Amino acid sequence: MKEVKIEVLGSDPPCSRCRMTEKVVREVAKRLTSGQRKFEIEERAANSKEAKAKYGALTTPAIAIDGTVKLQGRLPSAPEVETLLLKAFDTEE
């Protein structure tokens, strides 16, 4: 089974856009989870030392997949998140 790590990076405390982004990511990941696909989702403050060291300054909300920021600064749609997550499996060996 392949596993993709998703980090939802937001403000601390989370704003409404950050909370909605996390909700959309969780809903889409749940729908896409299967015997071949698994997702690990982690919420993280974008202004934490770890996030800043790893990604630099981010505009929230942001989504990182397997250590690469894929989206930032806006609320993504469910189809957009689905495309990002499925693409992560297509590129994984």
PDB file of N, CA and C in Angstrom:
ATOM      1  N   MET A   1       0.836  -1.175   0.000  1.00  0.00           N
ATOM      2  CA  MET A   1       0.000   0.000   0.000  1.00  0.00           C
ATOM      3  C   MET A   1       0.882   1.240   0.000  1.00  0.00           C
ATOM      4  N   LYS A   2       0.542   2.204  -0.832  1.00  0.00           N
ATOM      5  CA  LYS A   2       1.278   3.460  -0.883  1.00  0.00           C
ATOM      6  C   LYS A   2       0.659   4.440   0.101  1.00  0.00           C
ATOM      7  N   GLU A   3       1.513   5.257   0.727  1.00  0.00           N
ATOM      8  CA  GLU A   3       1.041   6.270   1.666  1.00  0.00           C
ATOM      9  C   GLU A   3       1.600   7.623   1.267  1.00  0.00           C
ATOM     10  N   VAL A   4       0.739   8.615   1.275  1.00  0.00           N
ATOM     11  CA  VAL A   4       1.119   9.979   0.951  1.00  0.00           C
ATOM     12  C   VAL A   4       0.936  10.823   2.205  1.00  0.00           C
ATOM     13  N   LYS A   5       1.949  11.631   2.517  1.00  0.00           N
ATOM     14  CA  LYS A   5       1.871  12.517   3.686  1.00  0.00           C
ATOM     15  C   LYS A   5       1.387  13.888   3.239  1.00  0.00           C
ATOM     16  N   ILE A   6       0.332  14.357   3.892  1.00  0.00           N
ATOM     17  CA  ILE A   6      -0.252  15.659   3.599  1.00  0.00           C
ATOM     18  C   ILE A   6      -0.109  16.530   4.837  1.00  0.00           C
ATOM     19  N   GLU A   7       0.422  17.723   4.647  1.00  0.00           N
ATOM     20  CA  GLU A   7       0.489  18.691   5.733  1.00  0.00           C
ATOM     21  C   GLU A   7      -0.424  19.857   5.368  1.00  0.00           C
ATOM     22  N   VAL A   8      -1.364  20.155   6.256  1.00  0.00           N
ATOM     23  CA  VAL A   8      -2.219  21.316   6.088  1.00  0.00           C
ATOM     24  C   VAL A   8      -1.641  22.390   7.000  1.00  0.00           C
ATOM     25  N   LEU A   9      -1.097  23.424   6.402  1.00  0.00           N
ATOM     26  CA  LEU A   9      -0.423  24.484   7.146  1.00  0.00           C
ATOM     27  C   LEU A   9      -1.338  25.694   7.235  1.00  0.00           C
ATOM     28  N   GLY A  10      -1.562  26.133   8.464  1.00  0.00           N
ATOM     29  CA  GLY A  10      -2.475  27.252   8.658  1.00  0.00           C
ATOM     30  C   GLY A  10      -2.020  28.181   9.758  1.00  0.00           C
ATOM     31  N   SER A  11      -2.849  29.168   9.998  1.00  0.00           N
ATOM     32  CA  SER A  11      -2.554  30.124  11.060  1.00  0.00           C
ATOM     33  C   SER A  11      -2.799  29.463  12.409  1.00  0.00           C
ATOM     34  N   ASP A  12      -2.267  30.101  13.450  1.00  0.00           N
ATOM     35  CA  ASP A  12      -2.437  29.567  14.801  1.00  0.00           C
ATOM     36  C   ASP A  12      -2.900  30.705  15.700  1.00  0.00           C
ATOM     37  N   PRO A  13      -4.154  30.699  16.135  1.00  0.00           N
ATOM     38  CA  PRO A  13      -5.180  29.676  15.936  1.00  0.00           C
ATOM     39  C   PRO A  13      -5.695  29.695  14.495  1.00  0.00           C
ATOM     40  N   PRO A  14      -6.262  28.552  14.053  1.00  0.00           N
ATOM     41  CA  PRO A  14      -6.713  28.443  12.657  1.00  0.00           C
ATOM     42  C   PRO A  14      -7.831  29.426  12.317  1.00  0.00           C
ATOM     43  N   CYS A  15      -7.711  30.054  11.169  1.00  0.00           N
ATOM     44  CA  CYS A  15      -8.772  30.922  10.661  1.00  0.00           C
ATOM     45  C   CYS A  15      -9.819  30.049   9.968  1.00  0.00           C
ATOM     46  N   SER A  16     -10.908  30.650   9.544  1.00  0.00           N
ATOM     47  CA  SER A  16     -11.979  29.872   8.915  1.00  0.00           C
ATOM     48  C   SER A  16     -11.510  29.226   7.604  1.00  0.00           C
ATOM     49  N   ARG A  17     -10.673  29.918   6.823  1.00  0.00           N
ATOM     50  CA  ARG A  17     -10.175  29.321   5.568  1.00  0.00           C
ATOM     51  C   ARG A  17      -9.260  28.134   5.843  1.00  0.00           C
ATOM     52  N   CYS A  18      -8.452  28.245   6.895  1.00  0.00           N
ATOM     53  CA  CYS A  18      -7.561  27.139   7.256  1.00  0.00           C
ATOM     54  C   CYS A  18      -8.361  25.926   7.730  1.00  0.00           C
ATOM     55  N   ARG A  19      -9.399  26.171   8.531  1.00  0.00           N
ATOM     56  CA  ARG A  19     -10.249  25.066   8.996  1.00  0.00           C
ATOM     57  C   ARG A  19     -10.982  24.409   7.833  1.00  0.00           C
ATOM     58  N   MET A  20     -11.476  25.211   6.892  1.00  0.00           N
ATOM     59  CA  MET A  20     -12.179  24.652   5.732  1.00  0.00           C
ATOM     60  C   MET A  20     -11.222  23.858   4.842  1.00  0.00           C
ATOM     61  N   THR A  21     -10.004  24.346   4.688  1.00  0.00           N
ATOM     62  CA  THR A  21      -9.019  23.621   3.880  1.00  0.00           C
ATOM     63  C   THR A  21      -8.756  22.254   4.489  1.00  0.00           C
ATOM     64  N   GLU A  22      -8.562  22.223   5.793  1.00  0.00           N
ATOM     65  CA  GLU A  22      -8.322  20.944   6.465  1.00  0.00           C
ATOM     66  C   GLU A  22      -9.518  20.014   6.302  1.00  0.00           C
ATOM     67  N   LYS A  23     -10.723  20.549   6.407  1.00  0.00           N
ATOM     68  CA  LYS A  23     -11.936  19.741   6.250  1.00  0.00           C
ATOM     69  C   LYS A  23     -12.020  19.144   4.841  1.00  0.00           C
ATOM     70  N   VAL A  24     -11.755  19.961   3.835  1.00  0.00           N
ATOM     71  CA  VAL A  24     -11.797  19.484   2.445  1.00  0.00           C
ATOM     72  C   VAL A  24     -10.746  18.393   2.230  1.00  0.00           C
ATOM     73  N   VAL A  25      -9.534  18.616   2.726  1.00  0.00           N
ATOM     74  CA  VAL A  25      -8.459  17.626   2.569  1.00  0.00           C
ATOM     75  C   VAL A  25      -8.858  16.304   3.228  1.00  0.00           C
ATOM     76  N   ARG A  26      -9.369  16.363   4.441  1.00  0.00           N
ATOM     77  CA  ARG A  26      -9.768  15.134   5.145  1.00  0.00           C
ATOM     78  C   ARG A  26     -10.897  14.401   4.425  1.00  0.00           C
ATOM     79  N   GLU A  27     -11.889  15.134   3.942  1.00  0.00           N
ATOM     80  CA  GLU A  27     -13.008  14.507   3.235  1.00  0.00           C
ATOM     81  C   GLU A  27     -12.552  13.829   1.946  1.00  0.00           C
ATOM     82  N   VAL A  28     -11.729  14.517   1.179  1.00  0.00           N
ATOM     83  CA  VAL A  28     -11.241  13.949  -0.084  1.00  0.00           C
ATOM     84  C   VAL A  28     -10.333  12.747   0.193  1.00  0.00           C
ATOM     85  N   ALA A  29      -9.437  12.871   1.163  1.00  0.00           N
ATOM     86  CA  ALA A  29      -8.538  11.756   1.488  1.00  0.00           C
ATOM     87  C   ALA A  29      -9.331  10.540   1.953  1.00  0.00           C
ATOM     88  N   LYS A  30     -10.351  10.760   2.735  1.00  0.00           N
ATOM     89  CA  LYS A  30     -11.180   9.643   3.201  1.00  0.00           C
ATOM     90  C   LYS A  30     -11.849   8.945   2.023  1.00  0.00           C
ATOM     91  N   ARG A  31     -12.352   9.734   1.088  1.00  0.00           N
ATOM     92  CA  ARG A  31     -13.026   9.166  -0.094  1.00  0.00           C
ATOM     93  C   ARG A  31     -12.043   8.401  -0.982  1.00  0.00           C
ATOM     94  N   LEU A  32     -10.805   8.864  -1.063  1.00  0.00           N
ATOM     95  CA  LEU A  32      -9.818   8.240  -1.954  1.00  0.00           C
ATOM     96  C   LEU A  32      -9.051   7.081  -1.310  1.00  0.00           C
ATOM     97  N   THR A  33      -9.141   6.948   0.003  1.00  0.00           N
ATOM     98  CA  THR A  33      -8.411   5.878   0.683  1.00  0.00           C
ATOM     99  C   THR A  33      -8.945   4.529   0.222  1.00  0.00           C
ATOM    100  N   SER A  34      -8.022   3.650  -0.113  1.00  0.00           N
ATOM    101  CA  SER A  34      -8.391   2.306  -0.563  1.00  0.00           C
ATOM    102  C   SER A  34      -7.280   1.348  -0.155  1.00  0.00           C
ATOM    103  N   GLY A  35      -7.364   0.129  -0.642  1.00  0.00           N
ATOM    104  CA  GLY A  35      -6.325  -0.850  -0.357  1.00  0.00           C
ATOM    105  C   GLY A  35      -4.970  -0.459  -0.926  1.00  0.00           C
ATOM    106  N   GLN A  36      -4.978   0.363  -1.981  1.00  0.00           N
ATOM    107  CA  GLN A  36      -3.725   0.788  -2.605  1.00  0.00           C
ATOM    108  C   GLN A  36      -3.291   2.180  -2.188  1.00  0.00           C
ATOM    109  N   ARG A  37      -4.195   2.940  -1.563  1.00  0.00           N
ATOM    110  CA  ARG A  37      -3.885   4.327  -1.222  1.00  0.00           C
ATOM    111  C   ARG A  37      -4.193   4.601   0.248  1.00  0.00           C
ATOM    112  N   LYS A  38      -3.243   5.262   0.898  1.00  0.00           N
ATOM    113  CA  LYS A  38      -3.438   5.678   2.284  1.00  0.00           C
ATOM    114  C   LYS A  38      -2.838   7.071   2.446  1.00  0.00           C
ATOM    115  N   PHE A  39      -3.478   7.874   3.279  1.00  0.00           N
ATOM    116  CA  PHE A  39      -3.027   9.239   3.504  1.00  0.00           C
ATOM    117  C   PHE A  39      -2.740   9.465   4.976  1.00  0.00           C
ATOM    118  N   GLU A  40      -1.642  10.134   5.249  1.00  0.00           N
ATOM    119  CA  GLU A  40      -1.332  10.592   6.602  1.00  0.00           C
ATOM    120  C   GLU A  40      -1.499  12.106   6.562  1.00  0.00           C
ATOM    121  N   ILE A  41      -2.419  12.625   7.376  1.00  0.00           N
ATOM    122  CA  ILE A  41      -2.709  14.054   7.376  1.00  0.00           C
ATOM    123  C   ILE A  41      -2.246  14.661   8.692  1.00  0.00           C
ATOM    124  N   GLU A  42      -1.505  15.745   8.579  1.00  0.00           N
ATOM    125  CA  GLU A  42      -0.997  16.441   9.758  1.00  0.00           C
ATOM    126  C   GLU A  42      -1.328  17.921   9.635  1.00  0.00           C
ATOM    127  N   GLU A  43      -1.882  18.472  10.694  1.00  0.00           N
ATOM    128  CA  GLU A  43      -2.114  19.908  10.752  1.00  0.00           C
ATOM    129  C   GLU A  43      -0.871  20.536  11.371  1.00  0.00           C
ATOM    130  N   ARG A  44      -0.480  21.667  10.836  1.00  0.00           N
ATOM    131  CA  ARG A  44       0.731  22.311  11.339  1.00  0.00           C
ATOM    132  C   ARG A  44       0.566  23.823  11.234  1.00  0.00           C
ATOM    133  N   ALA A  45       1.064  24.533  12.239  1.00  0.00           N
ATOM    134  CA  ALA A  45       1.062  25.995  12.193  1.00  0.00           C
ATOM    135  C   ALA A  45       2.118  26.452  11.196  1.00  0.00           C
ATOM    136  N   ALA A  46       1.716  27.262  10.251  1.00  0.00           N
ATOM    137  CA  ALA A  46       2.637  27.728   9.212  1.00  0.00           C
ATOM    138  C   ALA A  46       3.751  28.587   9.787  1.00  0.00           C
ATOM    139  N   ASN A  47       3.503  29.183  10.950  1.00  0.00           N
ATOM    140  CA  ASN A  47       4.528  30.044  11.534  1.00  0.00           C
ATOM    141  C   ASN A  47       5.380  29.331  12.585  1.00  0.00           C
ATOM    142  N   SER A  48       5.247  28.001  12.681  1.00  0.00           N
ATOM    143  CA  SER A  48       6.089  27.251  13.624  1.00  0.00           C
ATOM    144  C   SER A  48       7.534  27.230  13.110  1.00  0.00           C
ATOM    145  N   LYS A  49       8.472  27.044  14.020  1.00  0.00           N
ATOM    146  CA  LYS A  49       9.891  26.987  13.629  1.00  0.00           C
ATOM    147  C   LYS A  49      10.130  25.885  12.602  1.00  0.00           C
ATOM    148  N   GLU A  50       9.509  24.725  12.821  1.00  0.00           N
ATOM    149  CA  GLU A  50       9.707  23.589  11.919  1.00  0.00           C
ATOM    150  C   GLU A  50       9.184  23.892  10.515  1.00  0.00           C
ATOM    151  N   ALA A  51       7.978  24.459  10.447  1.00  0.00           N
ATOM    152  CA  ALA A  51       7.392  24.766   9.134  1.00  0.00           C
ATOM    153  C   ALA A  51       8.199  25.843   8.417  1.00  0.00           C
ATOM    154  N   LYS A  52       8.616  26.875   9.144  1.00  0.00           N
ATOM    155  CA  LYS A  52       9.415  27.937   8.525  1.00  0.00           C
ATOM    156  C   LYS A  52      10.747  27.399   8.018  1.00  0.00           C
ATOM    157  N   ALA A  53      11.381  26.521   8.797  1.00  0.00           N
ATOM    158  CA  ALA A  53      12.664  25.953   8.381  1.00  0.00           C
ATOM    159  C   ALA A  53      12.501  25.083   7.137  1.00  0.00           C
ATOM    160  N   LYS A  54      11.407  24.359   7.066  1.00  0.00           N
ATOM    161  CA  LYS A  54      11.188  23.424   5.966  1.00  0.00           C
ATOM    162  C   LYS A  54      10.673  24.113   4.699  1.00  0.00           C
ATOM    163  N   TYR A  55       9.741  25.074   4.872  1.00  0.00           N
ATOM    164  CA  TYR A  55       9.056  25.655   3.714  1.00  0.00           C
ATOM    165  C   TYR A  55       9.295  27.147   3.513  1.00  0.00           C
ATOM    166  N   GLY A  56       9.889  27.831   4.482  1.00  0.00           N
ATOM    167  CA  GLY A  56      10.021  29.275   4.390  1.00  0.00           C
ATOM    168  C   GLY A  56       8.706  29.944   4.733  1.00  0.00           C
ATOM    169  N   ALA A  57       8.568  31.206   4.340  1.00  0.00           N
ATOM    170  CA  ALA A  57       7.342  31.955   4.622  1.00  0.00           C
ATOM    171  C   ALA A  57       6.229  31.463   3.709  1.00  0.00           C
ATOM    172  N   LEU A  58       5.080  31.211   4.300  1.00  0.00           N
ATOM    173  CA  LEU A  58       3.928  30.727   3.538  1.00  0.00           C
ATOM    174  C   LEU A  58       2.741  31.658   3.718  1.00  0.00           C
ATOM    175  N   THR A  59       1.899  31.722   2.709  1.00  0.00           N
ATOM    176  CA  THR A  59       0.612  32.381   2.813  1.00  0.00           C
ATOM    177  C   THR A  59      -0.390  31.285   3.125  1.00  0.00           C
ATOM    178  N   THR A  60      -1.173  31.480   4.185  1.00  0.00           N
ATOM    179  CA  THR A  60      -2.102  30.433   4.612  1.00  0.00           C
ATOM    180  C   THR A  60      -3.474  30.617   3.981  1.00  0.00           C
ATOM    181  N   PRO A  61      -4.196  29.503   3.841  1.00  0.00           N
ATOM    182  CA  PRO A  61      -3.793  28.133   4.123  1.00  0.00           C
ATOM    183  C   PRO A  61      -2.861  27.601   3.037  1.00  0.00           C
ATOM    184  N   ALA A  62      -2.124  26.570   3.403  1.00  0.00           N
ATOM    185  CA  ALA A  62      -1.210  25.932   2.455  1.00  0.00           C
ATOM    186  C   ALA A  62      -1.319  24.420   2.594  1.00  0.00           C
ATOM    187  N   ILE A  63      -1.060  23.719   1.513  1.00  0.00           N
ATOM    188  CA  ILE A  63      -1.073  22.255   1.511  1.00  0.00           C
ATOM    189  C   ILE A  63       0.266  21.786   0.963  1.00  0.00           C
ATOM    190  N   ALA A  64       0.943  20.948   1.738  1.00  0.00           N
ATOM    191  CA  ALA A  64       2.184  20.323   1.283  1.00  0.00           C
ATOM    192  C   ALA A  64       1.931  18.831   1.160  1.00  0.00           C
ATOM    193  N   ILE A  65       2.395  18.250   0.081  1.00  0.00           N
ATOM    194  CA  ILE A  65       2.239  16.821  -0.160  1.00  0.00           C
ATOM    195  C   ILE A  65       3.625  16.226  -0.305  1.00  0.00           C
ATOM    196  N   ASP A  66       3.922  15.265   0.565  1.00  0.00           N
ATOM    197  CA  ASP A  66       5.233  14.622   0.589  1.00  0.00           C
ATOM    198  C   ASP A  66       6.375  15.631   0.594  1.00  0.00           C
ATOM    199  N   GLY A  67       6.206  16.692   1.412  1.00  0.00           N
ATOM    200  CA  GLY A  67       7.276  17.650   1.614  1.00  0.00           C
ATOM    201  C   GLY A  67       7.385  18.775   0.609  1.00  0.00           C
ATOM    202  N   THR A  68       6.425  18.876  -0.316  1.00  0.00           N
ATOM    203  CA  THR A  68       6.445  19.934  -1.323  1.00  0.00           C
ATOM    204  C   THR A  68       5.142  20.720  -1.244  1.00  0.00           C
ATOM    205  N   VAL A  69       5.243  22.046  -1.128  1.00  0.00           N
ATOM    206  CA  VAL A  69       4.045  22.885  -1.091  1.00  0.00           C
ATOM    207  C   VAL A  69       3.401  22.856  -2.473  1.00  0.00           C
ATOM    208  N   LYS A  70       2.142  22.477  -2.499  1.00  0.00           N
ATOM    209  CA  LYS A  70       1.403  22.372  -3.761  1.00  0.00           C
ATOM    210  C   LYS A  70       0.406  23.494  -3.948  1.00  0.00           C
ATOM    211  N   LEU A  71      -0.006  24.124  -2.834  1.00  0.00           N
ATOM    212  CA  LEU A  71      -1.021  25.160  -2.917  1.00  0.00           C
ATOM    213  C   LEU A  71      -0.887  26.056  -1.697  1.00  0.00           C
ATOM    214  N   GLN A  72      -1.094  27.355  -1.886  1.00  0.00           N
ATOM    215  CA  GLN A  72      -1.077  28.250  -0.733  1.00  0.00           C
ATOM    216  C   GLN A  72      -1.843  29.522  -1.032  1.00  0.00           C
ATOM    217  N   GLY A  73      -2.372  30.117   0.050  1.00  0.00           N
ATOM    218  CA  GLY A  73      -3.003  31.414  -0.051  1.00  0.00           C
ATOM    219  C   GLY A  73      -4.463  31.443  -0.438  1.00  0.00           C
ATOM    220  N   ARG A  74      -5.079  30.274  -0.581  1.00  0.00           N
ATOM    221  CA  ARG A  74      -6.500  30.253  -0.945  1.00  0.00           C
ATOM    222  C   ARG A  74      -7.135  28.933  -0.542  1.00  0.00           C
ATOM    223  N   LEU A  75      -8.444  28.944  -0.479  1.00  0.00           N
ATOM    224  CA  LEU A  75      -9.220  27.750  -0.150  1.00  0.00           C
ATOM    225  C   LEU A  75      -9.384  26.912  -1.414  1.00  0.00           C
ATOM    226  N   PRO A  76      -8.878  25.671  -1.417  1.00  0.00           N
ATOM    227  CA  PRO A  76      -9.000  24.832  -2.613  1.00  0.00           C
ATOM    228  C   PRO A  76     -10.369  24.171  -2.693  1.00  0.00           C
ATOM    229  N   SER A  77     -10.771  23.837  -3.903  1.00  0.00           N
ATOM    230  CA  SER A  77     -12.009  23.082  -4.095  1.00  0.00           C
ATOM    231  C   SER A  77     -11.722  21.594  -3.887  1.00  0.00           C
ATOM    232  N   ALA A  78     -12.762  20.823  -3.619  1.00  0.00           N
ATOM    233  CA  ALA A  78     -12.601  19.376  -3.454  1.00  0.00           C
ATOM    234  C   ALA A  78     -12.021  18.732  -4.714  1.00  0.00           C
ATOM    235  N   PRO A  79     -12.502  19.075  -5.927  1.00  0.00           N
ATOM    236  CA  PRO A  79     -11.893  18.482  -7.128  1.00  0.00           C
ATOM    237  C   PRO A  79     -10.416  18.821  -7.288  1.00  0.00           C
ATOM    238  N   GLU A  80     -10.023  20.026  -6.887  1.00  0.00           N
ATOM    239  CA  GLU A  80      -8.619  20.415  -6.974  1.00  0.00           C
ATOM    240  C   GLU A  80      -7.763  19.584  -6.018  1.00  0.00           C
ATOM    241  N   VAL A  81      -8.246  19.382  -4.793  1.00  0.00           N
ATOM    242  CA  VAL A  81      -7.523  18.555  -3.824  1.00  0.00           C
ATOM    243  C   VAL A  81      -7.448  17.121  -4.327  1.00  0.00           C
ATOM    244  N   GLU A  82      -8.527  16.621  -4.880  1.00  0.00           N
ATOM    245  CA  GLU A  82      -8.533  15.252  -5.415  1.00  0.00           C
ATOM    246  C   GLU A  82      -7.472  15.096  -6.501  1.00  0.00           C
ATOM    247  N   THR A  83      -7.371  16.048  -7.387  1.00  0.00           N
ATOM    248  CA  THR A  83      -6.366  16.005  -8.447  1.00  0.00           C
ATOM    249  C   THR A  83      -4.956  15.981  -7.864  1.00  0.00           C
ATOM    250  N   LEU A  84      -4.704  16.836  -6.862  1.00  0.00           N
ATOM    251  CA  LEU A  84      -3.381  16.867  -6.229  1.00  0.00           C
ATOM    252  C   LEU A  84      -3.043  15.528  -5.573  1.00  0.00           C
ATOM    253  N   LEU A  85      -4.012  14.946  -4.874  1.00  0.00           N
ATOM    254  CA  LEU A  85      -3.745  13.688  -4.168  1.00  0.00           C
ATOM    255  C   LEU A  85      -3.554  12.532  -5.134  1.00  0.00           C
ATOM    256  N   LEU A  86      -4.363  12.458  -6.158  1.00  0.00           N
ATOM    257  CA  LEU A  86      -4.202  11.386  -7.148  1.00  0.00           C
ATOM    258  C   LEU A  86      -2.886  11.527  -7.901  1.00  0.00           C
ATOM    259  N   LYS A  87      -2.497  12.754  -8.196  1.00  0.00           N
ATOM    260  CA  LYS A  87      -1.217  12.982  -8.884  1.00  0.00           C
ATOM    261  C   LYS A  87      -0.052  12.510  -8.006  1.00  0.00           C
ATOM    262  N   ALA A  88      -0.173  12.653  -6.699  1.00  0.00           N
ATOM    263  CA  ALA A  88       0.888  12.200  -5.782  1.00  0.00           C
ATOM    264  C   ALA A  88       1.113  10.685  -5.909  1.00  0.00           C
ATOM    265  N   PHE A  89       0.056   9.943  -6.181  1.00  0.00           N
ATOM    266  CA  PHE A  89       0.194   8.505  -6.361  1.00  0.00           C
ATOM    267  C   PHE A  89       0.740   8.164  -7.744  1.00  0.00           C
ATOM    268  N   ASP A  90       0.400   8.956  -8.739  1.00  0.00           N
ATOM    269  CA  ASP A  90       0.902   8.713 -10.090  1.00  0.00           C
ATOM    270  C   ASP A  90       2.399   8.886 -10.184  1.00  0.00           C
ATOM    271  N   THR A  91       2.958   9.813  -9.380  1.00  0.00           N
ATOM    272  CA  THR A  91       4.388  10.089  -9.459  1.00  0.00           C
ATOM    273  C   THR A  91       5.199   9.256  -8.490  1.00  0.00           C
ATOM    274  N   GLU A  92       4.518   8.554  -7.582  1.00  0.00           N
ATOM    275  CA  GLU A  92       5.220   7.759  -6.576  1.00  0.00           C
ATOM    276  C   GLU A  92       5.619   6.420  -7.160  1.00  0.00           C
ATOM    277  N   GLU A  93       6.797   5.982  -6.865  1.00  0.00           N
ATOM    278  CA  GLU A  93       7.287   4.679  -7.353  1.00  0.00           C
ATOM    279  C   GLU A  93       6.855   3.564  -6.433  1.00  0.00           C
TER     280      GLU A  93
END
